[in-house]
C-alpha cells in the first residue's frame, strides 16, 4: 500500500498495535510474565491464541483471534482520537480532516477496556456476531466509518451518514458535508507524520492497563512508565487542540453548564459549532467539557 515517504501508514500503525495486543494478552494469561526460560531469559513461546484458550479466556482459536482483534481495534480507535492522522494523495496533497472521519461505528473510542472482554455488555454483541456469522478482525476494522480496512484509504460507506447522525449526534446537513468531504478524498491514504516515542507509547497503552496483571505485563514488555525517559527529539504528532477550542466556546456561552440554562447536549453542540471553524461531534464536546471538570 502506498504511503508518503517518512510517514506511518494505517496498516503499519495497526500492525504495531496488533503486535502489542497479542504480546500483552499473552502475558496477562501467564499472570504478567513469561514462565518459560529460553537461554536463561523469560520468553513467550506460544501464540496469543494458545495462551488465551489455555487460560480459559477463549473457547477456540477463532474466538481468541477475535479477542486480540477487539483489543487492537479498540487501541486503533483511541490512537486515531489521540494522535490526529492526515490523509495524503499521490499528487502530494496533505489534508487534516476533523476526527469523525476516523471514528468507529461501534464508538470504541469511548468504550472502557474490561477483562475478560466477553464478560462486558460493551463487547458481547461482537462475540454474538462471531458465533453467528464468523465476524472477525477484518469485519471489525471495516466498521471504521470512512476507512478501507485493507488499504487505509478513505472510503465512504453506506452506514457512514447514519453513524454521524444517530451515533455521534450531528445534524443532517453536517453529516452530508462529511459525506461530501469523504467522496472528495476518496482514495487518499490515512497516515501519521510520526509515531509516539517510548514514553508516550507506554502511556498511551495505559488504556488497557486495568489491573495489576495488565500493569505487570505492560511493564515487562515496554518498561515501567517511571523508568522511561523522553527522547530528545519529540514526534510531530500530538493531541488535537480542537477540544481546547470547544471548551473555550462552550464556557463562553454556558459558564455554569448548559443544563443550568435548560439546554440539552444536542442544543449546546449546535451553539458551540456555530462558534468553531470546524464542526465537532457531541462526543468531542463532552470530552472537552469533562476534561475541565464540568459534567
Foldseek 3Di string as FASTA:
>chain_A
DDDPPLWAFPVNLLVVLLVVLFLLLLCLLVLQFAPDADVRHRDDDDTSLVSCCVSPLDVHSLRSQQQSLLRSVLLSQLCCQWWFKWWADPVGDIGGADSLLFAFLLRSNPDADDPPPCVDPSCVVQVVCCVPPVRGSLNRQCRRQQARSPFQFGHHDPCNLVSQCVVQNDDSVLSVVVVVVSVVRGRTHIIHSDDFDLLVVLVSVCSNVDDPSSQSNSCVVRNHSVPDDDDPDGTPIGRDCVLVLLQVQLCVVVVPDVVVVVDDLSRSLVSSQVVDPHRDTSVSSVCSNVVVPDD
